[in-house]
Protein backbone atom coordinates (compact mmCIF):
# COMPACT_ATOMS: atom_id res chain seq x y z
CA MET A 1 1.81 -24.03 -0.36
CA ALA A 2 -0.58 -21.09 -0.29
CA ALA A 3 -1.59 -18.95 2.68
CA THR A 4 -4.46 -16.45 2.74
CA ASP A 5 -5.63 -14.03 5.40
CA SER A 6 -7.93 -11.03 5.80
CA ALA A 7 -8.99 -8.67 8.57
CA THR A 8 -11.67 -5.99 8.97
CA ALA A 9 -12.25 -4.39 12.35
CA ILE A 10 -15.43 -2.40 11.57
CA ASN A 11 -17.62 -3.02 8.53
CA SER A 12 -20.85 -1.32 7.41
CA SER A 13 -21.56 0.20 10.81
CA VAL A 14 -22.14 3.46 12.62
CA VAL A 15 -19.63 4.14 15.39
CA VAL A 16 -19.94 6.95 17.92
CA VAL A 17 -17.13 8.14 20.18
CA ALA A 18 -18.72 10.32 22.83
CA GLN A 19 -17.46 13.72 23.87
CA ASN A 20 -14.17 13.73 25.86
CA LEU A 21 -13.66 9.98 25.33
CA SER A 22 -11.17 8.06 23.19
CA ASP A 23 -11.25 4.81 21.25
CA THR A 24 -8.89 2.64 19.22
CA VAL A 25 -9.63 0.48 16.18
CA MET A 26 -7.11 -2.15 15.09
CA ALA A 27 -6.94 -4.51 12.11
CA SER A 28 -4.05 -6.85 11.36
CA SER A 29 -3.59 -9.37 8.58
CA THR A 30 -0.74 -11.89 8.47
CA ALA A 31 -0.10 -14.56 5.83
CA SER A 32 3.03 -16.67 5.57
CA ALA A 33 3.76 -19.43 3.05
CA ASN A 34 6.98 -21.43 3.10
CA SER A 35 7.68 -24.20 0.58
CA THR A 36 10.85 -26.32 0.57
CA THR A 37 11.83 -29.28 -1.58
CA VAL A 38 14.97 -30.99 -2.83
CA ASP A 39 14.12 -32.28 -6.29
CA GLY A 40 10.84 -30.77 -7.37
CA ILE A 41 8.81 -27.58 -7.59
CA ALA A 42 8.68 -25.23 -4.59
CA SER A 43 5.88 -22.66 -4.56
CA GLY A 44 5.22 -20.30 -1.67
CA ASP A 45 2.24 -18.01 -2.20
CA ALA A 46 0.94 -15.61 0.48
CA VAL A 47 -1.92 -13.15 0.04
CA SER A 48 -3.95 -10.72 2.12
CA THR A 49 -7.31 -10.32 0.41
CA GLN A 50 -8.48 -7.46 2.66
CA ASP A 51 -7.08 -5.57 5.62
CA VAL A 52 -9.07 -2.53 6.76
CA GLY A 53 -9.59 -0.76 10.05
CA VAL A 54 -12.94 0.84 9.15
CA LEU A 55 -14.78 -0.16 5.96
CA ASP A 56 -17.94 1.44 4.54
CA SER A 57 -18.97 2.93 7.88
CA THR A 58 -19.87 6.24 9.51
CA LEU A 59 -17.67 7.52 12.31
CA ILE A 60 -18.95 10.23 14.65
CA VAL A 61 -16.38 11.62 17.07
CA GLY A 62 -17.56 14.10 19.72
CA GLY A 63 -15.85 17.25 20.86
CA ASN A 64 -12.49 16.85 22.60
CA ALA A 65 -12.63 13.13 21.80
CA GLY A 66 -9.98 10.99 20.16
CA LEU A 67 -10.04 8.13 17.68
CA THR A 68 -7.03 6.05 16.65
CA VAL A 69 -7.20 3.63 13.72
CA ASN A 70 -4.29 1.25 13.15
CA GLU A 71 -4.04 -1.14 10.21
CA THR A 72 -1.04 -3.43 9.76
CA GLY A 73 -0.29 -6.29 7.42
CA VAL A 74 2.59 -8.66 6.76
CA VAL A 75 2.61 -11.23 3.96
CA THR A 76 5.62 -13.40 3.26
CA GLY A 77 6.12 -16.03 0.57
CA THR A 78 9.29 -18.14 0.42
CA ALA A 79 10.26 -21.00 -1.90
CA THR A 80 13.47 -23.03 -1.68
CA THR A 81 14.60 -25.96 -3.83
CA VAL A 82 17.76 -27.64 -5.06
CA ASN A 83 16.10 -29.13 -8.14
CA ALA A 84 19.21 -31.09 -9.00
CA ALA A 85 17.69 -33.60 -11.38
CA GLY A 86 15.16 -33.79 -14.16
CA ALA A 87 14.37 -30.10 -14.59
CA SER A 88 15.09 -27.55 -17.28
CA PRO A 89 17.41 -24.95 -15.72
CA ALA A 90 15.54 -22.08 -17.37
CA VAL A 91 12.20 -23.09 -15.82
CA PRO A 92 11.45 -21.26 -12.54
CA THR A 93 10.92 -24.25 -10.26
CA ALA A 94 11.20 -22.04 -7.18
CA THR A 95 8.41 -19.46 -7.21
CA ALA A 96 7.39 -17.14 -4.39
CA THR A 97 4.62 -14.54 -4.32
CA ALA A 98 3.42 -12.13 -1.64
CA SER A 99 0.56 -9.72 -2.22
CA PHE A 100 -2.12 -7.42 -0.82
CA SER A 101 -4.85 -7.80 -3.39
CA GLY A 102 -7.96 -6.08 -1.99
CA ASN A 103 -9.06 -3.14 0.14
CA THR A 104 -6.15 -2.21 2.38
CA GLY A 105 -5.87 0.75 4.74
CA GLY A 106 -7.20 2.63 7.72
CA ILE A 107 -10.60 4.11 6.78
CA ILE A 108 -12.03 3.17 3.37
CA ASP A 109 -15.27 3.83 1.52
CA SER A 110 -15.37 1.11 -1.10
CA SER A 111 -18.82 1.86 -2.55
CA SER A 112 -18.90 1.26 -6.29
CA SER A 113 -19.75 4.90 -7.08
CA GLY A 114 -16.83 6.22 -5.04
CA GLY A 115 -17.78 8.48 -2.15
CA SER A 116 -20.92 7.58 -0.21
CA ALA A 117 -23.23 10.00 1.57
CA SER A 118 -23.42 7.65 4.56
CA ASN A 119 -19.80 6.55 4.88
CA ASP A 120 -18.27 9.66 6.40
CA LEU A 121 -16.15 10.94 9.25
CA LEU A 122 -17.85 13.57 11.43
CA ILE A 123 -15.57 15.27 13.96
CA GLY A 124 -16.56 17.60 16.79
CA ALA A 125 -14.60 20.62 17.94
CA ALA A 126 -11.06 19.96 19.19
CA ALA A 127 -11.27 16.24 18.39
CA THR A 128 -8.24 14.30 17.15
CA ILE A 129 -8.22 11.52 14.57
CA VAL A 130 -5.02 9.55 13.96
CA VAL A 131 -4.90 6.90 11.23
CA THR A 132 -1.93 4.63 10.53
CA ALA A 133 -1.55 1.99 7.82
CA ASP A 134 1.61 -0.10 7.54
CA ASN A 135 2.02 -3.06 5.16
CA THR A 136 4.92 -5.24 4.03
CA ALA A 137 4.99 -7.88 1.28
CA THR A 138 8.12 -10.03 0.96
CA ALA A 139 8.78 -12.75 -1.62
CA ILE A 140 11.99 -14.80 -1.62
CA ALA A 141 12.76 -17.59 -4.11
CA THR A 142 15.96 -19.64 -3.89
CA ASN A 143 17.13 -22.39 -6.26
CA VAL A 144 20.36 -24.11 -7.28
CA ALA A 145 19.95 -25.85 -10.63
CA GLY A 146 16.67 -24.37 -11.85
CA GLY A 147 15.12 -20.98 -12.31
CA SER A 148 13.79 -18.80 -9.49
CA ASP A 149 10.97 -16.27 -9.59
CA ALA A 150 9.85 -13.87 -6.81
CA GLN A 151 6.93 -11.45 -7.07
CA SER A 152 5.66 -9.01 -4.42
CA LEU A 153 2.68 -6.68 -4.81
CA ILE A 154 0.87 -4.10 -2.71
CA ASN A 155 -2.08 -2.86 -4.70
CA GLN A 156 -3.04 -0.18 -2.18
CA THR A 157 -2.26 1.21 1.25
CA TYR A 158 -4.50 4.15 2.16
CA GLY A 159 -4.89 6.14 5.34
CA LEU A 160 -8.29 7.44 4.18
CA ASP A 161 -9.84 6.53 0.82
CA ASP A 162 -12.91 8.30 -0.61
CA VAL A 163 -14.07 9.32 2.88
CA GLY A 164 -15.85 12.62 3.40
CA VAL A 165 -14.69 14.57 6.45
CA GLN A 166 -16.64 17.29 8.27
CA ALA A 167 -15.03 18.79 11.35
CA GLY A 168 -15.50 21.64 13.80
CA SER A 169 -12.91 24.13 14.93
CA SER A 170 -9.46 23.14 16.22
CA GLY A 171 -9.82 19.58 15.00
CA SER A 172 -6.93 17.41 13.89
CA LEU A 173 -6.78 14.74 11.19
CA ILE A 174 -3.50 12.84 10.88
CA ALA A 175 -2.98 10.01 8.40
CA ASN A 176 0.36 8.21 8.01
CA VAL A 177 1.03 5.28 5.70
CA ASP A 178 4.03 3.04 5.12
CA ALA A 179 4.43 0.26 2.56
CA ASN A 180 7.25 -2.08 1.62
CA ALA A 181 7.33 -4.48 -1.32
CA ILE A 182 10.43 -6.67 -1.47
CA ALA A 183 11.27 -9.44 -3.94
CA ALA A 184 14.48 -11.47 -4.15
CA ALA A 185 15.31 -14.32 -6.53
CA THR A 186 18.55 -16.30 -6.29
CA THR A 187 19.86 -19.29 -8.24
CA VAL A 188 23.12 -20.71 -9.59
CA GLY A 189 22.55 -22.88 -12.66
CA GLY A 190 25.06 -25.08 -14.46
CA THR A 191 28.57 -24.34 -15.52
CA THR A 192 27.77 -23.25 -19.09
CA ALA A 193 25.44 -20.72 -20.69
CA ALA A 194 23.33 -23.57 -22.08
CA SER A 195 22.68 -24.87 -18.60
CA GLY A 196 22.19 -21.44 -17.04
CA ALA A 197 19.29 -20.79 -14.70
CA ASP A 198 17.35 -17.52 -14.77
CA ALA A 199 16.54 -15.40 -11.74
CA THR A 200 13.53 -13.06 -12.02
CA SER A 201 12.15 -10.69 -9.40
CA ALA A 202 9.47 -8.01 -9.48
CA ALA A 203 8.25 -5.70 -6.70
CA THR A 204 5.28 -3.36 -7.16
CA ILE A 205 3.36 -0.82 -5.09
CA ASN A 206 0.49 0.77 -6.98
CA ASN A 207 -0.79 3.20 -4.36
CA ALA A 208 0.54 4.35 -0.98
CA VAL A 209 -1.44 7.48 -0.08
CA GLY A 210 -2.21 9.17 3.24
CA ILE A 211 -5.53 10.77 2.22
CA ASN A 212 -6.88 9.68 -1.16
CA VAL A 213 -9.90 10.69 -3.24
CA SER A 214 -10.00 9.30 -6.76
CA THR A 215 -13.69 9.86 -7.57
CA VAL A 216 -14.67 13.03 -9.45
CA GLY A 217 -17.91 14.87 -10.09
CA ALA A 218 -21.00 14.66 -7.86
CA ALA A 219 -19.93 11.39 -6.25
CA GLY A 220 -16.50 12.77 -5.54
CA ALA A 221 -18.04 15.77 -3.77
CA LEU A 222 -19.20 13.37 -1.07
CA SER A 223 -15.52 12.87 -0.19
CA ASN A 224 -14.68 16.54 0.34
CA ILE A 225 -12.87 17.61 3.51
CA SER A 226 -14.17 20.56 5.54
CA PHE A 227 -12.68 21.95 8.78
CA GLY A 228 -13.35 25.05 10.88
CA ASP A 229 -10.79 27.50 12.24
CA GLY A 230 -7.54 26.24 13.70
CA ALA A 231 -7.58 22.93 11.85
CA THR A 232 -4.60 20.62 11.50
CA ILE A 233 -4.51 18.21 8.56
CA SER A 234 -1.40 16.10 8.11
CA ALA A 235 -0.87 13.16 5.76
CA THR A 236 2.36 11.37 4.93
CA ALA A 237 3.39 8.54 2.64
CA GLY A 238 6.57 7.31 4.27
CA THR A 239 9.00 9.48 6.20
CA SER A 240 12.50 10.75 5.56
CA SER A 241 13.90 7.92 7.70
CA ASP A 242 11.41 5.20 6.69
CA LYS A 243 10.50 5.69 3.05
CA ILE A 244 7.98 3.80 0.95
CA GLN A 245 10.20 0.97 -0.23
CA VAL A 246 10.10 -1.01 -3.48
CA SER A 247 13.04 -3.37 -3.89
CA SER A 248 13.81 -6.20 -6.31
CA THR A 249 17.01 -8.25 -6.42
CA SER A 250 17.93 -11.03 -8.85
CA THR A 251 21.15 -13.03 -8.68
CA THR A 252 22.36 -15.96 -10.79
CA ALA A 253 25.67 -17.37 -11.94
CA THR A 254 25.09 -18.62 -15.47
CA GLY A 255 21.60 -17.51 -16.53
CA ASP A 256 19.77 -14.24 -17.06
CA ALA A 257 18.98 -11.97 -14.11
CA THR A 258 15.99 -9.63 -14.36
CA ALA A 259 14.82 -7.29 -11.60
CA THR A 260 11.92 -4.86 -11.89
CA SER A 261 10.67 -2.37 -9.28
CA ILE A 262 7.59 -0.23 -9.91
CA LEU A 263 6.05 2.46 -7.71
CA GLY A 264 2.80 4.10 -8.74
CA ASN A 265 1.68 6.77 -6.27
CA ALA A 266 3.40 7.69 -3.01
CA ILE A 267 1.49 10.82 -2.04
CA GLY A 268 0.59 12.51 1.24
CA ILE A 269 -2.71 14.02 0.08
CA HIS A 270 -4.18 13.05 -3.30
CA HIS A 271 -7.46 14.64 -4.39
CA GLN A 272 -8.10 14.07 -8.07
CA GLN A 273 -10.02 16.70 -10.00
CA ASP A 274 -11.81 16.25 -13.30
CA ASP A 275 -9.85 18.39 -15.75
CA LYS A 276 -12.88 18.60 -18.04
CA GLN A 277 -14.95 20.25 -15.29
CA ALA A 278 -12.24 22.29 -13.58
CA PRO A 279 -12.54 24.80 -12.04
CA THR A 280 -16.29 24.10 -11.62
CA ASP A 281 -15.84 20.49 -10.50
CA PRO A 282 -17.57 20.30 -7.09
CA SER A 283 -15.45 17.38 -5.93
CA ASN A 284 -12.09 17.02 -4.28
CA LEU A 285 -12.22 20.17 -2.20
CA ILE A 286 -10.25 20.74 0.98
CA THR A 287 -11.75 23.68 2.88
CA VAL A 288 -10.44 25.01 6.18
CA GLY A 289 -11.00 28.14 8.25
CA ASN A 290 -8.51 30.63 9.65
CA ASP A 291 -5.19 29.62 11.22
CA ALA A 292 -5.19 26.18 9.60
CA THR A 293 -2.19 23.99 8.92
CA ILE A 294 -2.11 21.48 6.05
CA THR A 295 0.88 19.20 5.61
CA GLY A 296 1.45 16.56 2.95
CA LEU A 297 4.69 14.61 2.51
CA GLY A 298 5.81 11.74 0.27
CA PHE A 299 9.07 9.80 0.51
CA ALA A 300 10.08 6.80 -1.60
CA ASP A 301 13.02 4.49 -2.15
CA VAL A 302 12.74 2.45 -5.37
CA LYS A 303 15.60 0.21 -6.38
CA ALA A 304 16.39 -2.82 -8.54
CA ALA A 305 19.55 -4.91 -8.79
CA ALA A 306 20.39 -7.73 -11.21
CA THR A 307 23.62 -9.73 -11.16
CA THR A 308 24.92 -12.57 -13.35
CA ILE A 309 28.27 -13.94 -14.44
CA ASN A 310 27.38 -15.61 -17.73
CA GLY A 311 24.11 -14.16 -18.99
CA VAL A 312 22.14 -10.95 -19.39
CA ALA A 313 21.47 -8.73 -16.38
CA ALA A 314 18.65 -6.17 -16.56
CA ALA A 315 17.44 -4.00 -13.68
CA THR A 316 14.65 -1.44 -13.97
CA ALA A 317 13.27 0.89 -11.28
CA THR A 318 10.45 3.32 -12.07
CA THR A 319 8.37 5.81 -10.09
CA ALA A 320 5.20 7.41 -11.41
CA ASN A 321 4.39 9.97 -8.71
CA THR A 322 5.92 10.89 -5.36
CA SER A 323 4.34 14.06 -4.04
CA GLY A 324 3.32 15.88 -0.90
CA ILE A 325 -0.04 17.30 -1.97
CA GLU A 326 -2.04 16.91 -5.17
CA ALA A 327 -5.42 18.50 -4.59
CA GLY A 328 -8.10 19.70 -6.94
CA THR A 329 -8.85 22.78 -4.83
CA VAL A 330 -7.62 23.95 -1.43
CA VAL A 331 -9.55 26.80 0.20
CA VAL A 332 -7.96 28.39 3.25
C-alpha cells in the first residue's frame, strides 16, 4: 500500500508583513503506509513529494516586525508478513520505504537557474525572521520466513535555500533544521544457511542545511546575504542534544544482514563558491556591518548495525560533511 502527501503554505506570491506586526507560516506533510499479510508480499511505501513553507516567493518584513516559518514532515512506511509458504527465503517479501523526494524546507527558491531576482527576503530594521524545518522518515520491514528490506530517504531539509536576503540594522535571521532517517529490517529465516532469509536496511540524508546556497556565478549572486550593523545570523543543522540522525538496523537469524547509513551534508551555513572564479566570484557572499554575530553549527549521529547468527553481517556508516559554516566569502 502506498501513501503520498505534499504541502506548500505559500507559493509564487508576494507577502508583506507590515511594520511592528508579526506573522506565522506553517506547512506540514504526513504520509503513512502500513501493509500486513500472512502468506504473501507486504509493501508499505510512504512519500512526501513536497513540503515547503514558502516557495518561489518574495517576503517583505517591515521594521520591528516578526516572521516565523515552520515546516514539518513525517513519513512512515511499515511492512509485516509471515510468508510461511511458497516463497524463496532470500527474496525480500516484506519491503518498506519512506522518503522525502522533492522540495523540502522553510523558504526555498527552486527556480531552475538557482537564485531568482524576485524570490527574496527583504527585512526592515530590527525585524526578526525565524525558520524551522523538521522532518522524519521511518521505514520498518518485518518478516519471518522471507527476506525483509527497509529504505528511508530524506533528499533535502533546508531552512533557506538559494534565497537572497537584504536586511537593515539590528535584524535577526535564525534558521534551524532537524532531520531523521531511520530504517529497520528484521527477519528470521529457516534453520539452515540454505534456507536463510536476508535483512537489508538503508537510511540516507543527502542535505540537512540551515542556510544553503549551491548556485555560483551571476545567478548565485542573487542569493547573497546582506545585513546592516548589529545583525544576528544563526543557522544550525541539529543540536548537541538532538542531532541529525541517520540510523539503519538489520537483524536476521540465518541469512545475511546488511545495514547502510549515509549522510551527505549536515551544515549550519553552506555557501558554495566557484573555485575557478574565486576570489572574484560575485556569488555566495555574506556581508554584515559592525557588531554582527554569525553562528553556524552542525551536529550528526550516523550509525549502522547488522546482526546475524548464520550468515554475513555488514554494517556501513558514512558522513560526507558535518560543518558549522562553509561560506565563499564572509565580510564583517
